[in-house]
N, C-alpha and C. Protein backbone atom coordinates (compact mmCIF):
# COMPACT_ATOMS: atom_id res chain seq x y z
N MET A 1 14.34 25.06 -0.13
CA MET A 1 15.49 24.50 -0.64
C MET A 1 16.00 23.49 0.54
N LYS A 2 15.87 24.02 1.83
CA LYS A 2 16.50 23.31 2.90
C LYS A 2 15.76 21.83 2.97
N ARG A 3 14.48 21.81 2.84
CA ARG A 3 13.69 20.61 2.90
C ARG A 3 14.17 19.67 1.73
N PHE A 4 14.31 20.31 0.58
CA PHE A 4 14.70 19.46 -0.58
C PHE A 4 16.08 18.79 -0.37
N LEU A 5 17.06 19.51 0.22
CA LEU A 5 18.43 18.97 0.58
C LEU A 5 18.23 17.92 1.67
N LEU A 6 17.50 18.09 2.67
CA LEU A 6 17.23 17.12 3.71
C LEU A 6 16.62 15.77 3.03
N TYR A 7 15.66 16.00 2.11
CA TYR A 7 15.08 14.86 1.52
C TYR A 7 15.96 14.19 0.76
N LEU A 8 16.96 14.91 -0.07
CA LEU A 8 18.02 14.15 -0.86
C LEU A 8 18.95 13.45 0.09
N LEU A 9 19.26 13.98 1.24
CA LEU A 9 20.12 13.37 2.27
C LEU A 9 19.46 12.09 2.74
N ARG A 10 18.18 12.11 3.01
CA ARG A 10 17.43 11.03 3.48
C ARG A 10 17.38 9.95 2.43
N TRP A 11 17.18 10.41 1.19
CA TRP A 11 17.18 9.45 0.09
C TRP A 11 18.51 8.61 -0.08
N GLN A 12 19.56 9.35 0.19
CA GLN A 12 20.81 8.64 0.14
C GLN A 12 21.13 7.80 1.26
N LEU A 13 20.60 8.13 2.42
CA LEU A 13 20.73 7.28 3.51
C LEU A 13 19.85 5.92 3.48
N SER A 14 18.80 5.99 2.82
CA SER A 14 17.89 4.84 2.63
C SER A 14 18.64 3.77 1.89
N THR A 15 19.39 4.06 1.04
CA THR A 15 20.12 3.04 0.13
C THR A 15 20.87 1.93 1.09
N PRO A 16 21.87 2.45 1.81
CA PRO A 16 22.52 1.42 2.66
C PRO A 16 21.75 0.61 3.61
N ILE A 17 20.78 1.33 4.06
CA ILE A 17 19.90 0.77 5.10
C ILE A 17 19.10 -0.33 4.50
N LEU A 18 18.55 -0.05 3.28
CA LEU A 18 17.69 -1.10 2.57
C LEU A 18 18.59 -2.22 2.11
N ALA A 19 19.84 -1.87 1.64
CA ALA A 19 20.73 -2.95 1.25
C ALA A 19 21.20 -3.92 2.37
N LEU A 20 21.32 -3.44 3.63
CA LEU A 20 21.63 -4.24 4.69
C LEU A 20 20.43 -5.07 4.95
N CYS A 21 19.21 -4.58 4.90
CA CYS A 21 18.12 -5.42 5.17
C CYS A 21 17.96 -6.43 3.97
N LEU A 22 18.26 -6.17 2.76
CA LEU A 22 18.22 -7.25 1.81
C LEU A 22 19.18 -8.27 1.95
N ILE A 23 20.35 -7.98 2.42
CA ILE A 23 21.43 -8.96 2.80
C ILE A 23 20.96 -9.81 4.02
N PHE A 24 20.42 -9.17 4.96
CA PHE A 24 20.02 -9.84 6.18
C PHE A 24 18.85 -10.79 5.83
N PHE A 25 18.00 -10.46 4.93
CA PHE A 25 16.75 -11.36 4.70
C PHE A 25 16.98 -12.10 3.37
N ALA A 26 18.17 -12.19 2.81
CA ALA A 26 18.39 -12.97 1.68
C ALA A 26 17.89 -14.40 1.67
N SER A 27 17.94 -14.98 2.77
CA SER A 27 17.62 -16.32 2.82
C SER A 27 16.10 -16.57 2.53
N LEU A 28 15.34 -15.53 2.55
CA LEU A 28 13.85 -15.63 2.36
C LEU A 28 13.58 -15.73 0.80
N GLY A 29 14.55 -15.43 0.02
CA GLY A 29 14.46 -15.25 -1.43
C GLY A 29 14.35 -13.86 -1.90
N THR A 30 14.77 -13.59 -3.05
CA THR A 30 14.75 -12.17 -3.52
C THR A 30 13.39 -11.37 -3.35
N THR A 31 12.32 -12.02 -3.67
CA THR A 31 11.04 -11.35 -3.64
C THR A 31 10.64 -10.92 -2.30
N MET A 32 10.69 -12.00 -1.34
CA MET A 32 10.30 -11.74 -0.01
C MET A 32 11.30 -10.84 0.63
N ALA A 33 12.58 -10.89 0.40
CA ALA A 33 13.60 -10.08 1.02
C ALA A 33 13.28 -8.60 0.61
N THR A 34 12.91 -8.36 -0.64
CA THR A 34 12.57 -7.10 -1.23
C THR A 34 11.37 -6.60 -0.46
N ILE A 35 10.41 -7.30 -0.36
CA ILE A 35 9.03 -7.02 0.32
C ILE A 35 9.34 -6.56 1.76
N VAL A 36 10.06 -7.41 2.44
CA VAL A 36 10.24 -7.10 3.92
C VAL A 36 11.28 -5.87 3.97
N SER A 37 12.22 -5.66 3.20
CA SER A 37 13.06 -4.51 3.26
C SER A 37 12.42 -3.18 2.95
N ASN A 38 11.48 -3.18 1.95
CA ASN A 38 10.70 -2.02 1.66
C ASN A 38 9.70 -1.82 2.85
N LEU A 39 9.13 -2.76 3.47
CA LEU A 39 8.18 -2.53 4.68
C LEU A 39 9.05 -1.84 5.79
N ILE A 40 10.23 -2.31 5.94
CA ILE A 40 11.06 -1.68 6.96
C ILE A 40 11.50 -0.35 6.73
N GLY A 41 11.85 -0.11 5.37
CA GLY A 41 12.10 1.31 4.98
C GLY A 41 10.92 2.10 5.19
N GLY A 42 9.75 1.61 4.84
CA GLY A 42 8.53 2.50 4.90
C GLY A 42 8.27 2.92 6.35
N ILE A 43 8.55 1.93 7.24
CA ILE A 43 8.42 2.13 8.67
C ILE A 43 9.26 3.24 9.19
N ILE A 44 10.58 3.14 8.78
CA ILE A 44 11.59 4.03 9.21
C ILE A 44 11.26 5.40 8.65
N PHE A 45 11.24 5.51 7.20
CA PHE A 45 11.39 6.71 6.54
C PHE A 45 10.07 7.45 6.45
N PHE A 46 8.85 6.85 6.96
CA PHE A 46 7.68 7.62 7.04
C PHE A 46 7.78 8.65 8.09
N TRP A 47 8.44 8.30 9.12
CA TRP A 47 8.65 9.34 10.27
C TRP A 47 9.72 10.37 9.90
N VAL A 48 10.67 9.97 9.29
CA VAL A 48 11.71 10.99 8.73
C VAL A 48 11.19 11.92 7.72
N ASP A 49 10.34 11.41 6.84
CA ASP A 49 9.62 12.29 5.82
C ASP A 49 8.61 13.25 6.51
N LYS A 50 7.94 12.59 7.50
CA LYS A 50 6.91 13.47 8.10
C LYS A 50 7.58 14.59 8.87
N TRP A 51 8.79 14.31 9.49
CA TRP A 51 9.48 15.35 10.05
C TRP A 51 10.09 16.49 9.09
N ILE A 52 10.51 15.86 8.00
CA ILE A 52 11.11 16.74 6.95
C ILE A 52 10.03 17.68 6.32
N PHE A 53 8.89 17.16 6.03
CA PHE A 53 7.78 17.90 5.30
C PHE A 53 6.71 18.40 6.30
N LYS A 54 6.94 18.16 7.58
CA LYS A 54 6.02 18.59 8.63
C LYS A 54 4.56 18.37 8.22
N ILE A 55 4.23 17.01 7.87
CA ILE A 55 2.98 16.70 7.54
C ILE A 55 1.95 16.73 8.66
N ASN A 56 0.95 17.61 8.50
CA ASN A 56 -0.08 17.81 9.57
C ASN A 56 -1.33 17.20 9.08
N PRO A 57 -2.07 16.45 9.95
CA PRO A 57 -3.31 15.82 9.55
C PRO A 57 -4.38 16.85 9.24
N PRO A 58 -5.28 16.57 8.34
CA PRO A 58 -6.28 17.55 8.03
C PRO A 58 -7.15 17.93 9.11
N HIS A 59 -7.65 19.18 9.19
CA HIS A 59 -8.49 19.62 10.24
C HIS A 59 -9.93 19.10 9.93
N THR A 60 -10.50 18.56 10.99
CA THR A 60 -11.90 18.09 10.87
C THR A 60 -12.85 18.95 11.70
């Protein structure tokens, strides 16, 4: 349950961060601003999600 609540908090925090990115990159046009914002969100939140879910690489 703790992980789920952390994930929900992370999800809510992503909204204003991505909105700021969209505003900042608006001059690129809607589609490009969305693409760039989502890439930035992926870069940031990959690490947050990894921490929340403690993703371990498979053992080889």
